[in-house]
C-alpha atoms as a PDB file:
ATOM      1  CA  MET A   1     117.849  44.188  80.337  1.00  0.00           C
ATOM      2  CA  SER A   2     117.931  46.262  76.768  1.00  0.00           C
ATOM      3  CA  THR A   3     120.947  48.278  76.514  1.00  0.00           C
ATOM      4  CA  SER A   4     119.274  49.673  73.169  1.00  0.00           C
ATOM      5  CA  PRO A   5     118.999  53.911  73.013  1.00  0.00           C
ATOM      6  CA  SER A   6     115.518  54.912  74.295  1.00  0.00           C
ATOM      7  CA  LEU A   7     112.933  55.558  71.284  1.00  0.00           C
ATOM      8  CA  SER A   8     109.854  57.488  71.404  1.00  0.00           C
ATOM      9  CA  VAL A   9     107.225  57.455  68.814  1.00  0.00           C
ATOM     10  CA  VAL A  10     105.067  60.120  67.281  1.00  0.00           C
ATOM     11  CA  ILE A  11     101.902  59.309  65.656  1.00  0.00           C
ATOM     12  CA  PRO A  12      99.974  62.271  64.023  1.00  0.00           C
ATOM     13  CA  THR A  13      95.940  61.618  63.961  1.00  0.00           C
ATOM     14  CA  LEU A  14      92.628  63.072  62.999  1.00  0.00           C
ATOM     15  CA  ASN A  15      89.847  60.425  62.971  1.00  0.00           C
ATOM     16  CA  ALA A  16      92.048  57.750  62.628  1.00  0.00           C
ATOM     17  CA  ALA A  17      89.899  55.086  64.955  1.00  0.00           C
ATOM     18  CA  GLU A  18      89.763  52.580  61.983  1.00  0.00           C
ATOM     19  CA  VAL A  19      93.413  52.377  61.370  1.00  0.00           C
ATOM     20  CA  LEU A  20      95.599  53.221  64.686  1.00  0.00           C
ATOM     21  CA  PRO A  21      94.903  49.941  66.406  1.00  0.00           C
ATOM     22  CA  ALA A  22      97.097  48.138  63.681  1.00  0.00           C
ATOM     23  CA  ALA A  23      99.676  50.841  63.779  1.00  0.00           C
ATOM     24  CA  LEU A  24      99.747  50.649  67.458  1.00  0.00           C
ATOM     25  CA  ALA A  25      99.854  46.718  67.322  1.00  0.00           C
ATOM     26  CA  CYS A  26     103.047  46.592  65.429  1.00  0.00           C
ATOM     27  CA  LEU A  27     104.755  48.383  68.382  1.00  0.00           C
ATOM     28  CA  ALA A  28     103.543  46.209  70.796  1.00  0.00           C
ATOM     29  CA  PRO A  29     106.241  43.499  70.761  1.00  0.00           C
ATOM     30  CA  ALA A  30     108.844  46.517  71.130  1.00  0.00           C
ATOM     31  CA  ARG A  31     107.390  48.013  74.281  1.00  0.00           C
ATOM     32  CA  ASP A  32     110.423  47.545  75.960  1.00  0.00           C
ATOM     33  CA  LEU A  33     112.418  49.283  73.501  1.00  0.00           C
ATOM     34  CA  LEU A  34     110.182  52.362  73.767  1.00  0.00           C
ATOM     35  CA  ARG A  35     110.110  55.449  75.878  1.00  0.00           C
ATOM     36  CA  GLU A  36     106.473  56.388  74.971  1.00  0.00           C
ATOM     37  CA  ILE A  37     104.391  56.700  72.229  1.00  0.00           C
ATOM     38  CA  VAL A  38     102.595  59.827  71.743  1.00  0.00           C
ATOM     39  CA  VAL A  39      99.474  60.248  69.909  1.00  0.00           C
ATOM     40  CA  ALA A  40      99.228  64.224  68.376  1.00  0.00           C
ATOM     41  CA  ASP A  41      95.938  64.640  68.012  1.00  0.00           C
ATOM     42  CA  SER A  42      93.817  67.374  66.033  1.00  0.00           C
ATOM     43  CA  GLY A  43      90.408  67.225  67.194  1.00  0.00           C
ATOM     44  CA  SER A  44      89.428  63.695  66.264  1.00  0.00           C
ATOM     45  CA  THR A  45      85.216  63.509  66.973  1.00  0.00           C
ATOM     46  CA  ASP A  46      85.844  59.321  66.830  1.00  0.00           C
ATOM     47  CA  ALA A  47      87.343  56.741  69.415  1.00  0.00           C
ATOM     48  CA  THR A  48      90.957  57.609  68.426  1.00  0.00           C
ATOM     49  CA  ALA A  49      92.021  59.301  71.379  1.00  0.00           C
ATOM     50  CA  ALA A  50      90.193  56.480  73.501  1.00  0.00           C
ATOM     51  CA  ILE A  51      92.006  53.746  71.624  1.00  0.00           C
ATOM     52  CA  ALA A  52      95.465  55.282  71.835  1.00  0.00           C
ATOM     53  CA  ARG A  53      95.025  55.777  75.673  1.00  0.00           C
ATOM     54  CA  ALA A  54      93.722  51.856  75.979  1.00  0.00           C
ATOM     55  CA  ALA A  55      96.922  50.899  74.111  1.00  0.00           C
ATOM     56  CA  GLY A  56      99.005  52.843  76.762  1.00  0.00           C
ATOM     57  CA  ALA A  57      99.914  55.838  74.209  1.00  0.00           C
ATOM     58  CA  THR A  58     100.285  59.610  75.476  1.00  0.00           C
ATOM     59  CA  VAL A  59      97.488  61.685  73.671  1.00  0.00           C
ATOM     60  CA  VAL A  60      98.529  65.172  72.976  1.00  0.00           C
ATOM     61  CA  GLN A  61      96.256  67.956  71.380  1.00  0.00           C
ATOM     62  CA  GLY A  62      97.588  69.955  68.827  1.00  0.00           C
ATOM     63  CA  PRO A  63      96.445  72.360  66.039  1.00  0.00           C
ATOM     64  CA  ARG A  64      95.208  70.808  62.929  1.00  0.00           C
ATOM     65  CA  GLY A  65      97.730  70.257  60.081  1.00  0.00           C
ATOM     66  CA  ARG A  66     100.397  67.339  60.223  1.00  0.00           C
ATOM     67  CA  GLY A  67     103.293  69.003  60.560  1.00  0.00           C
ATOM     68  CA  ALA A  68     102.278  71.480  63.634  1.00  0.00           C
ATOM     69  CA  GLN A  69     100.973  67.558  65.211  1.00  0.00           C
ATOM     70  CA  LEU A  70     104.257  66.055  64.534  1.00  0.00           C
ATOM     71  CA  ALA A  71     106.057  69.093  66.289  1.00  0.00           C
ATOM     72  CA  ALA A  72     103.889  69.185  68.906  1.00  0.00           C
ATOM     73  CA  GLY A  73     104.122  65.103  69.638  1.00  0.00           C
ATOM     74  CA  ALA A  74     107.871  65.701  69.348  1.00  0.00           C
ATOM     75  CA  GLU A  75     107.979  68.008  72.107  1.00  0.00           C
ATOM     76  CA  ALA A  76     106.110  65.865  74.531  1.00  0.00           C
ATOM     77  CA  THR A  77     108.415  63.104  74.070  1.00  0.00           C
ATOM     78  CA  THR A  78     111.718  62.376  76.031  1.00  0.00           C
ATOM     79  CA  GLY A  79     113.198  59.592  74.121  1.00  0.00           C
ATOM     80  CA  GLY A  80     116.906  59.925  72.768  1.00  0.00           C
ATOM     81  CA  TRP A  81     115.762  59.080  69.574  1.00  0.00           C
ATOM     82  CA  LEU A  82     112.315  59.718  67.423  1.00  0.00           C
ATOM     83  CA  LEU A  83     110.460  57.675  64.978  1.00  0.00           C
ATOM     84  CA  PHE A  84     107.713  59.373  63.420  1.00  0.00           C
ATOM     85  CA  LEU A  85     105.022  57.331  61.975  1.00  0.00           C
ATOM     86  CA  HIS A  86     101.769  57.936  60.183  1.00  0.00           C
ATOM     87  CA  ALA A  87      98.331  56.326  61.693  1.00  0.00           C
ATOM     88  CA  ASP A  88      97.555  54.284  58.640  1.00  0.00           C
ATOM     89  CA  THR A  89     101.126  52.621  58.258  1.00  0.00           C
ATOM     90  CA  ARG A  90     102.309  49.523  59.734  1.00  0.00           C
ATOM     91  CA  LEU A  91     105.850  48.703  60.073  1.00  0.00           C
ATOM     92  CA  ASP A  92     106.476  44.933  59.291  1.00  0.00           C
ATOM     93  CA  ALA A  93     108.029  42.231  62.162  1.00  0.00           C
ATOM     94  CA  SER A  94     111.692  43.109  61.353  1.00  0.00           C
ATOM     95  CA  TRP A  95     111.152  46.890  62.172  1.00  0.00           C
ATOM     96  CA  ARG A  96     112.673  46.561  65.919  1.00  0.00           C
ATOM     97  CA  ALA A  97     116.041  44.953  64.878  1.00  0.00           C
ATOM     98  CA  VAL A  98     116.494  47.034  61.897  1.00  0.00           C
ATOM     99  CA  ALA A  99     116.158  50.139  63.772  1.00  0.00           C
ATOM    100  CA  GLU A 100     118.252  48.822  67.147  1.00  0.00           C
ATOM    101  CA  ARG A 101     120.886  48.466  64.624  1.00  0.00           C
ATOM    102  CA  PHE A 102     120.436  51.814  62.868  1.00  0.00           C
ATOM    103  CA  MET A 103     120.454  53.602  66.483  1.00  0.00           C
ATOM    104  CA  ALA A 104     123.529  51.745  67.788  1.00  0.00           C
ATOM    105  CA  ASP A 105     125.725  52.816  64.834  1.00  0.00           C
ATOM    106  CA  PRO A 106     127.404  56.505  66.008  1.00  0.00           C
ATOM    107  CA  ASP A 107     127.952  57.170  62.192  1.00  0.00           C
ATOM    108  CA  ASN A 108     123.803  57.489  62.526  1.00  0.00           C
ATOM    109  CA  ARG A 109     123.710  60.220  65.207  1.00  0.00           C
ATOM    110  CA  ARG A 110     123.199  62.831  62.142  1.00  0.00           C
ATOM    111  CA  ARG A 111     121.592  60.918  59.743  1.00  0.00           C
ATOM    112  CA  ALA A 112     117.783  59.544  59.399  1.00  0.00           C
ATOM    113  CA  GLY A 113     116.334  56.255  58.163  1.00  0.00           C
ATOM    114  CA  TYR A 114     113.145  55.594  56.642  1.00  0.00           C
ATOM    115  CA  PHE A 115     111.395  52.177  55.791  1.00  0.00           C
ATOM    116  CA  ALA A 116     110.622  50.686  52.448  1.00  0.00           C
ATOM    117  CA  TYR A 117     107.260  51.600  51.076  1.00  0.00           C
ATOM    118  CA  ARG A 118     104.593  49.157  50.776  1.00  0.00           C
ATOM    119  CA  LEU A 119     100.987  49.200  49.825  1.00  0.00           C
ATOM    120  CA  ASP A 120      98.346  46.698  51.102  1.00  0.00           C
ATOM    121  CA  ASP A 121      97.305  46.160  47.328  1.00  0.00           C
ATOM    122  CA  THR A 122      97.969  43.243  45.087  1.00  0.00           C
ATOM    123  CA  ALA A 123      97.495  44.974  42.025  1.00  0.00           C
ATOM    124  CA  ALA A 124     100.735  45.213  39.507  1.00  0.00           C
ATOM    125  CA  GLU A 125     100.091  49.079  39.912  1.00  0.00           C
ATOM    126  CA  ALA A 126     100.895  48.984  43.476  1.00  0.00           C
ATOM    127  CA  ARG A 127     104.207  47.345  42.945  1.00  0.00           C
ATOM    128  CA  ARG A 128     105.536  49.780  39.966  1.00  0.00           C
ATOM    129  CA  LEU A 129     104.515  52.641  42.626  1.00  0.00           C
ATOM    130  CA  GLU A 130     106.554  51.030  45.107  1.00  0.00           C
ATOM    131  CA  ARG A 131     109.429  50.812  42.744  1.00  0.00           C
ATOM    132  CA  ILE A 132     109.116  54.690  41.864  1.00  0.00           C
ATOM    133  CA  VAL A 133     108.966  55.629  45.471  1.00  0.00           C
ATOM    134  CA  ALA A 134     112.024  53.365  46.057  1.00  0.00           C
ATOM    135  CA  TRP A 135     113.850  55.592  43.289  1.00  0.00           C
ATOM    136  CA  ARG A 136     112.808  59.027  44.552  1.00  0.00           C
ATOM    137  CA  SER A 137     113.844  58.241  47.982  1.00  0.00           C
ATOM    138  CA  ARG A 138     117.000  56.940  46.575  1.00  0.00           C
ATOM    139  CA  ALA A 139     117.953  59.173  43.911  1.00  0.00           C
ATOM    140  CA  LEU A 140     116.134  62.442  44.835  1.00  0.00           C
ATOM    141  CA  GLY A 141     116.168  62.063  48.819  1.00  0.00           C
ATOM    142  CA  LEU A 142     112.882  62.509  49.345  1.00  0.00           C
ATOM    143  CA  PRO A 143     111.014  60.153  51.030  1.00  0.00           C
ATOM    144  CA  TYR A 144     107.477  60.689  52.424  1.00  0.00           C
ATOM    145  CA  GLY A 145     106.023  60.496  55.755  1.00  0.00           C
ATOM    146  CA  ASP A 146     104.538  57.185  55.070  1.00  0.00           C
ATOM    147  CA  GLN A 147     107.583  55.404  55.011  1.00  0.00           C
ATOM    148  CA  GLY A 148     108.308  56.514  58.890  1.00  0.00           C
ATOM    149  CA  LEU A 149     111.237  58.833  59.641  1.00  0.00           C
ATOM    150  CA  LEU A 150     113.867  57.534  62.680  1.00  0.00           C
ATOM    151  CA  LEU A 151     116.505  59.921  64.010  1.00  0.00           C
ATOM    152  CA  SER A 152     118.191  61.163  66.888  1.00  0.00           C
ATOM    153  CA  ARG A 153     116.430  63.750  68.988  1.00  0.00           C
ATOM    154  CA  ASP A 154     119.806  65.878  68.852  1.00  0.00           C
ATOM    155  CA  PHE A 155     119.486  65.891  64.953  1.00  0.00           C
ATOM    156  CA  TYR A 156     115.861  66.624  64.693  1.00  0.00           C
ATOM    157  CA  ARG A 157     116.502  69.787  66.996  1.00  0.00           C
ATOM    158  CA  GLU A 158     119.637  70.426  64.821  1.00  0.00           C
ATOM    159  CA  LEU A 159     117.411  70.323  61.769  1.00  0.00           C
ATOM    160  CA  GLY A 160     114.617  72.837  63.360  1.00  0.00           C
ATOM    161  CA  GLY A 161     112.000  70.056  63.723  1.00  0.00           C
ATOM    162  CA  PHE A 162     108.788  69.629  61.688  1.00  0.00           C
ATOM    163  CA  PRO A 163     107.582  73.137  60.285  1.00  0.00           C
ATOM    164  CA  PRO A 164     104.079  73.813  60.937  1.00  0.00           C
ATOM    165  CA  LEU A 165     102.802  72.939  57.332  1.00  0.00           C
ATOM    166  CA  VAL A 166      99.354  71.465  56.573  1.00  0.00           C
ATOM    167  CA  LEU A 167     100.901  68.920  53.857  1.00  0.00           C
ATOM    168  CA  MET A 168     104.522  68.872  52.385  1.00  0.00           C
ATOM    169  CA  GLU A 169     106.080  69.003  56.218  1.00  0.00           C
ATOM    170  CA  ASP A 170     107.545  65.439  55.301  1.00  0.00           C
ATOM    171  CA  VAL A 171     109.387  67.152  52.152  1.00  0.00           C
ATOM    172  CA  ALA A 172     110.375  70.153  54.073  1.00  0.00           C
ATOM    173  CA  LEU A 173     112.146  68.061  56.318  1.00  0.00           C
ATOM    174  CA  ALA A 174     113.797  65.859  53.902  1.00  0.00           C
ATOM    175  CA  ARG A 175     115.619  68.437  52.169  1.00  0.00           C
ATOM    176  CA  ARG A 176     116.802  69.988  55.824  1.00  0.00           C
ATOM    177  CA  ILE A 177     118.335  66.447  55.906  1.00  0.00           C
ATOM    178  CA  GLY A 178     120.063  66.116  52.321  1.00  0.00           C
ATOM    179  CA  ARG A 179     119.976  63.051  50.374  1.00  0.00           C
ATOM    180  CA  LEU A 180     123.542  61.909  51.317  1.00  0.00           C
ATOM    181  CA  ARG A 181     122.023  61.827  55.233  1.00  0.00           C
ATOM    182  CA  LEU A 182     119.116  59.786  54.325  1.00  0.00           C
ATOM    183  CA  VAL A 183     119.365  56.129  54.851  1.00  0.00           C
ATOM    184  CA  PRO A 184     117.179  53.351  53.546  1.00  0.00           C
ATOM    185  CA  LEU A 185     116.390  50.730  56.268  1.00  0.00           C
ATOM    186  CA  ALA A 186     115.633  47.132  55.500  1.00  0.00           C
ATOM    187  CA  ALA A 187     112.291  46.650  56.766  1.00  0.00           C
ATOM    188  CA  GLY A 188     109.007  47.650  55.269  1.00  0.00           C
ATOM    189  CA  ALA A 189     106.287  50.184  56.156  1.00  0.00           C
ATOM    190  CA  LEU A 190     102.854  48.858  54.955  1.00  0.00           C
ATOM    191  CA  THR A 191     100.388  51.828  54.244  1.00  0.00           C
ATOM    192  CA  SER A 192      96.644  51.914  53.074  1.00  0.00           C
ATOM    193  CA  ALA A 193      96.361  52.208  49.371  1.00  0.00           C
ATOM    194  CA  ALA A 194      92.741  53.584  49.825  1.00  0.00           C
ATOM    195  CA  ARG A 195      93.888  56.958  48.166  1.00  0.00           C
ATOM    196  CA  TYR A 196      94.655  54.918  45.049  1.00  0.00           C
ATOM    197  CA  ARG A 197      91.113  53.152  44.440  1.00  0.00           C
ATOM    198  CA  GLY A 198      90.085  55.540  42.241  1.00  0.00           C
ATOM    199  CA  GLY A 199      92.862  54.897  39.891  1.00  0.00           C
ATOM    200  CA  TYR A 200      96.731  54.885  40.433  1.00  0.00           C
ATOM    201  CA  ALA A 201      97.598  56.888  37.268  1.00  0.00           C
ATOM    202  CA  PRO A 202      95.254  60.129  38.078  1.00  0.00           C
ATOM    203  CA  ARG A 203      96.452  60.039  41.672  1.00  0.00           C
ATOM    204  CA  MET A 204     100.220  59.874  41.120  1.00  0.00           C
ATOM    205  CA  LEU A 205      99.677  62.601  38.768  1.00  0.00           C
ATOM    206  CA  ARG A 206      98.034  64.722  41.256  1.00  0.00           C
ATOM    207  CA  ASN A 207     100.721  64.010  43.729  1.00  0.00           C
ATOM    208  CA  LEU A 208     103.435  65.134  41.376  1.00  0.00           C
ATOM    209  CA  LEU A 209     101.641  68.269  40.676  1.00  0.00           C
ATOM    210  CA  CYS A 210     101.308  68.663  44.372  1.00  0.00           C
ATOM    211  CA  LEU A 211     105.093  68.221  44.641  1.00  0.00           C
ATOM    212  CA  SER A 212     106.222  70.515  41.561  1.00  0.00           C
ATOM    213  CA  LEU A 213     103.522  73.297  42.928  1.00  0.00           C
ATOM    214  CA  TYR A 214     105.484  72.935  46.561  1.00  0.00           C
ATOM    215  CA  PHE A 215     109.062  73.342  44.608  1.00  0.00           C
ATOM    216  CA  ALA A 216     107.502  76.531  42.665  1.00  0.00           C
ATOM    217  CA  GLY A 217     106.517  78.408  45.971  1.00  0.00           C
ATOM    218  CA  ALA A 218     102.806  77.789  45.868  1.00  0.00           C
ATOM    219  CA  PRO A 219     101.037  78.098  49.401  1.00  0.00           C
ATOM    220  CA  PRO A 220     100.824  74.651  51.259  1.00  0.00           C
ATOM    221  CA  ARG A 221      97.337  75.491  52.031  1.00  0.00           C
ATOM    222  CA  PHE A 222      96.390  75.775  48.342  1.00  0.00           C
ATOM    223  CA  ILE A 223      98.019  72.588  47.586  1.00  0.00           C
ATOM    224  CA  ALA A 224      96.549  70.755  50.331  1.00  0.00           C
ATOM    225  CA  ARG A 225      93.188  71.485  48.950  1.00  0.00           C
ATOM    226  CA  LEU A 226      94.227  70.268  45.504  1.00  0.00           C
ATOM    227  CA  TYR A 227      95.773  67.017  47.339  1.00  0.00           C
ATOM    228  CA  GLY A 228      92.042  66.498  48.785  1.00  0.00           C
END
Protein backbone atom coordinates (compact mmCIF):
# COMPACT_ATOMS: atom_id res chain seq x y z
CA MET A 1 0.00 0.00 0.00
CA SER A 2 1.32 3.45 -0.96
CA THR A 3 2.17 5.80 1.91
CA SER A 4 2.53 8.78 -0.43
CA PRO A 5 0.54 11.95 0.22
CA SER A 6 -2.75 12.10 -1.65
CA LEU A 7 -2.66 14.02 -4.92
CA SER A 8 -5.47 15.63 -6.88
CA VAL A 9 -5.07 16.69 -10.50
CA VAL A 10 -6.96 19.63 -12.00
CA ILE A 11 -7.23 20.05 -15.78
CA PRO A 12 -9.05 23.05 -17.33
CA THR A 13 -10.73 22.30 -20.67
CA LEU A 14 -12.66 23.86 -23.51
CA ASN A 15 -13.32 21.63 -26.52
CA ALA A 16 -10.24 19.56 -25.72
CA ALA A 17 -11.43 16.19 -27.02
CA GLU A 18 -8.48 15.89 -29.41
CA VAL A 19 -5.76 16.36 -26.79
CA LEU A 20 -7.30 15.31 -23.46
CA PRO A 21 -6.92 11.51 -23.91
CA ALA A 22 -3.12 11.80 -24.06
CA ALA A 23 -3.00 14.00 -20.96
CA LEU A 24 -5.16 11.53 -19.04
CA ALA A 25 -3.17 8.52 -20.30
CA CYS A 26 0.04 9.82 -18.75
CA LEU A 27 -1.73 9.95 -15.37
CA ALA A 28 -3.17 6.43 -15.56
CA PRO A 29 -0.09 4.57 -14.20
CA ALA A 30 -0.31 6.66 -11.02
CA ARG A 31 -3.98 6.10 -10.23
CA ASP A 32 -3.12 4.55 -6.87
CA LEU A 33 -1.39 7.81 -5.93
CA LEU A 34 -4.19 10.06 -7.17
CA ARG A 35 -7.13 10.97 -4.95
CA GLU A 36 -9.00 12.20 -8.02
CA ILE A 37 -8.71 13.87 -11.40
CA VAL A 38 -10.98 16.88 -11.83
CA VAL A 39 -11.65 18.25 -15.29
CA ALA A 40 -12.87 21.84 -14.99
CA ASP A 41 -14.79 22.45 -18.19
CA SER A 42 -16.22 25.71 -19.45
CA GLY A 43 -18.94 24.63 -21.85
CA SER A 44 -17.30 22.27 -24.32
CA THR A 45 -19.49 21.30 -27.25
CA ASP A 46 -17.37 18.31 -28.27
CA ALA A 47 -16.75 15.00 -26.46
CA THR A 48 -14.45 16.47 -23.78
CA ALA A 49 -16.75 15.70 -20.84
CA ALA A 50 -17.52 12.18 -22.05
CA ILE A 51 -13.82 11.40 -22.52
CA ALA A 52 -13.03 12.68 -19.03
CA ARG A 53 -15.77 10.64 -17.37
CA ALA A 54 -14.80 7.50 -19.30
CA ALA A 55 -11.29 7.85 -17.87
CA GLY A 56 -12.69 8.08 -14.33
CA ALA A 57 -12.34 11.84 -13.94
CA THR A 58 -14.85 14.10 -12.25
CA VAL A 59 -16.18 16.89 -14.48
CA VAL A 60 -17.15 20.23 -12.99
CA GLN A 61 -18.58 23.11 -14.99
CA GLY A 62 -17.13 26.55 -14.42
CA PRO A 63 -17.23 29.99 -15.98
CA ARG A 64 -15.16 30.50 -19.09
CA GLY A 65 -11.63 31.68 -18.35
CA ARG A 66 -8.77 29.47 -17.28
CA GLY A 67 -8.20 31.16 -13.91
CA ALA A 68 -11.83 30.69 -12.88
CA GLN A 69 -11.81 27.11 -14.17
CA LEU A 70 -8.67 26.22 -12.23
CA ALA A 71 -10.10 27.75 -9.07
CA ALA A 72 -13.37 25.85 -9.50
CA GLY A 73 -11.51 22.61 -10.14
CA ALA A 74 -9.36 23.07 -7.03
CA GLU A 75 -12.48 23.62 -4.92
CA ALA A 76 -13.81 20.24 -6.07
CA THR A 77 -10.72 18.31 -4.94
CA THR A 78 -9.95 16.60 -1.65
CA GLY A 79 -6.26 15.65 -1.91
CA GLY A 80 -3.56 17.13 0.28
CA TRP A 81 -1.57 18.09 -2.81
CA LEU A 82 -2.68 19.68 -6.07
CA LEU A 83 -1.27 19.24 -9.56
CA PHE A 84 -2.54 21.70 -12.16
CA LEU A 85 -2.09 20.48 -15.72
CA HIS A 86 -3.17 21.78 -19.12
CA ALA A 87 -5.19 19.50 -21.38
CA ASP A 88 -2.58 19.58 -24.16
CA THR A 89 0.32 18.76 -21.83
CA ARG A 90 1.67 15.25 -21.30
CA LEU A 91 3.95 14.42 -18.40
CA ASP A 92 6.76 11.99 -19.10
CA ALA A 93 7.05 8.59 -17.45
CA SER A 94 9.29 9.81 -14.62
CA TRP A 95 6.79 12.36 -13.30
CA ARG A 96 5.33 10.14 -10.60
CA ALA A 97 8.64 9.36 -8.87
CA VAL A 98 9.68 13.00 -9.10
CA ALA A 99 6.36 14.22 -7.68
CA GLU A 100 6.45 11.70 -4.83
CA ARG A 101 9.94 12.83 -3.81
CA PHE A 102 8.86 16.46 -3.89
CA MET A 103 5.74 15.82 -1.79
CA ALA A 104 7.64 13.69 0.72
CA ASP A 105 10.06 16.50 1.60
CA PRO A 106 8.68 18.60 4.50
CA ASP A 107 10.61 21.61 3.22
CA ASN A 108 8.35 21.68 0.17
CA ARG A 109 5.15 22.29 2.10
CA ARG A 110 5.46 25.97 1.20
CA ARG A 111 7.06 25.59 -2.20
CA ALA A 112 5.71 24.80 -5.66
CA GLY A 113 7.25 22.53 -8.27
CA TYR A 114 7.07 22.89 -12.03
CA PHE A 115 8.12 20.53 -14.82
CA ALA A 116 10.62 21.06 -17.62
CA TYR A 117 9.00 22.60 -20.69
CA ARG A 118 9.15 20.40 -23.80
CA LEU A 119 7.58 20.86 -27.24
CA ASP A 120 6.39 18.11 -29.59
CA ASP A 121 8.39 19.55 -32.47
CA THR A 122 11.79 18.50 -33.81
CA ALA A 123 12.68 21.97 -35.11
CA ALA A 124 15.76 23.73 -33.78
CA GLU A 125 13.55 26.68 -32.86
CA ALA A 126 11.66 24.43 -30.43
CA ARG A 127 14.88 23.54 -28.59
CA ARG A 128 15.82 27.22 -28.46
CA LEU A 129 12.46 28.11 -26.96
CA GLU A 130 12.78 25.33 -24.37
CA ARG A 131 16.08 26.85 -23.23
CA ILE A 132 14.51 30.31 -23.03
CA VAL A 133 11.64 28.96 -20.93
CA ALA A 134 14.07 27.19 -18.59
CA TRP A 135 15.94 30.47 -18.09
CA ARG A 136 12.74 32.47 -17.59
CA SER A 137 11.44 29.99 -15.04
CA ARG A 138 14.70 29.86 -13.08
CA ALA A 139 15.89 33.47 -13.28
CA LEU A 140 12.57 35.32 -13.26
CA GLY A 141 10.42 32.84 -11.36
CA LEU A 142 7.84 32.67 -14.16
CA PRO A 143 6.95 29.11 -15.13
CA TYR A 144 3.75 29.03 -17.17
CA GLY A 145 0.74 26.75 -16.82
CA ASP A 146 1.85 24.43 -19.60
CA GLN A 147 4.72 23.34 -17.32
CA GLY A 148 2.30 22.07 -14.69
CA LEU A 149 2.29 23.24 -11.08
CA LEU A 150 2.54 21.01 -8.00
CA LEU A 151 1.92 22.40 -4.51
CA SER A 152 0.26 21.51 -1.25
CA ARG A 153 -3.37 22.40 -0.71
CA ASP A 154 -2.46 24.44 2.37
CA PHE A 155 0.07 26.49 0.43
CA TYR A 156 -2.38 26.99 -2.43
CA ARG A 157 -4.96 28.35 0.01
CA GLU A 158 -2.37 30.52 1.71
CA LEU A 159 -1.59 32.06 -1.67
CA GLY A 160 -5.26 32.80 -2.29
CA GLY A 161 -5.61 30.33 -5.17
CA PHE A 162 -5.84 31.18 -8.84
CA PRO A 163 -7.30 34.61 -9.62
CA PRO A 164 -10.34 34.51 -11.98
CA LEU A 165 -8.42 35.82 -14.99
CA VAL A 166 -9.01 34.76 -18.61
CA LEU A 167 -5.24 34.88 -19.19
CA MET A 168 -2.07 35.33 -17.13
CA GLU A 169 -3.55 33.47 -14.15
CA ASP A 170 -0.37 31.37 -14.09
CA VAL A 171 1.85 34.45 -14.02
CA ALA A 172 -0.24 35.99 -11.24
CA LEU A 173 0.08 32.88 -9.05
CA ALA A 174 3.79 32.46 -9.81
CA ARG A 175 4.41 36.02 -8.65
CA ARG A 176 2.60 35.29 -5.38
CA ILE A 177 4.70 32.16 -4.88
CA GLY A 178 7.95 34.01 -5.55
CA ARG A 179 11.08 32.90 -7.39
CA LEU A 180 12.80 31.42 -4.34
CA ARG A 181 9.85 29.13 -3.58
CA LEU A 182 9.55 27.75 -7.11
CA VAL A 183 11.37 24.46 -7.66
CA PRO A 184 12.22 22.88 -11.06
CA LEU A 185 11.24 19.22 -11.18
CA ALA A 186 13.39 16.66 -13.00
CA ALA A 187 10.65 15.45 -15.33
CA GLY A 188 9.34 16.83 -18.61
CA ALA A 189 5.98 18.27 -19.60
CA LEU A 190 5.48 17.78 -23.34
CA THR A 191 3.21 20.43 -24.81
CA SER A 192 1.69 20.92 -28.23
CA ALA A 193 3.65 23.24 -30.52
CA ALA A 194 0.57 23.94 -32.66
CA ARG A 195 0.50 27.63 -31.71
CA TYR A 196 4.02 28.04 -33.16
CA ARG A 197 3.30 26.48 -36.56
CA GLY A 198 3.00 29.92 -38.13
CA GLY A 199 6.51 30.79 -37.01
CA TYR A 200 8.32 30.75 -33.69
CA ALA A 201 9.64 34.31 -33.78
CA PRO A 202 6.25 36.04 -34.34
CA ARG A 203 4.56 33.94 -31.66
CA MET A 204 7.36 34.51 -29.15
CA LEU A 205 7.24 38.26 -29.77
CA ARG A 206 3.48 38.24 -29.27
CA ASN A 207 3.86 36.33 -26.03
CA LEU A 208 6.47 38.80 -24.81
CA LEU A 209 4.19 41.71 -25.71
CA CYS A 210 1.31 40.12 -23.79
CA LEU A 211 3.49 39.61 -20.72
CA SER A 212 4.76 43.19 -20.92
CA LEU A 213 1.21 44.52 -21.19
CA TYR A 214 0.17 42.48 -18.16
CA PHE A 215 3.02 43.90 -16.08
CA ALA A 216 2.05 47.36 -17.32
CA GLY A 217 -1.47 46.84 -15.96
CA ALA A 218 -3.43 46.23 -19.17
CA PRO A 219 -6.78 44.41 -18.68
CA PRO A 220 -6.37 40.62 -19.05
CA ARG A 221 -9.36 40.43 -21.42
CA PHE A 222 -7.65 42.85 -23.78
CA ILE A 223 -4.42 40.83 -23.56
CA ALA A 224 -6.38 37.62 -24.25
CA ARG A 225 -7.72 39.05 -27.51
CA LEU A 226 -4.20 39.98 -28.57
CA TYR A 227 -2.87 36.58 -27.51
CA GLY A 228 -5.42 34.85 -29.73
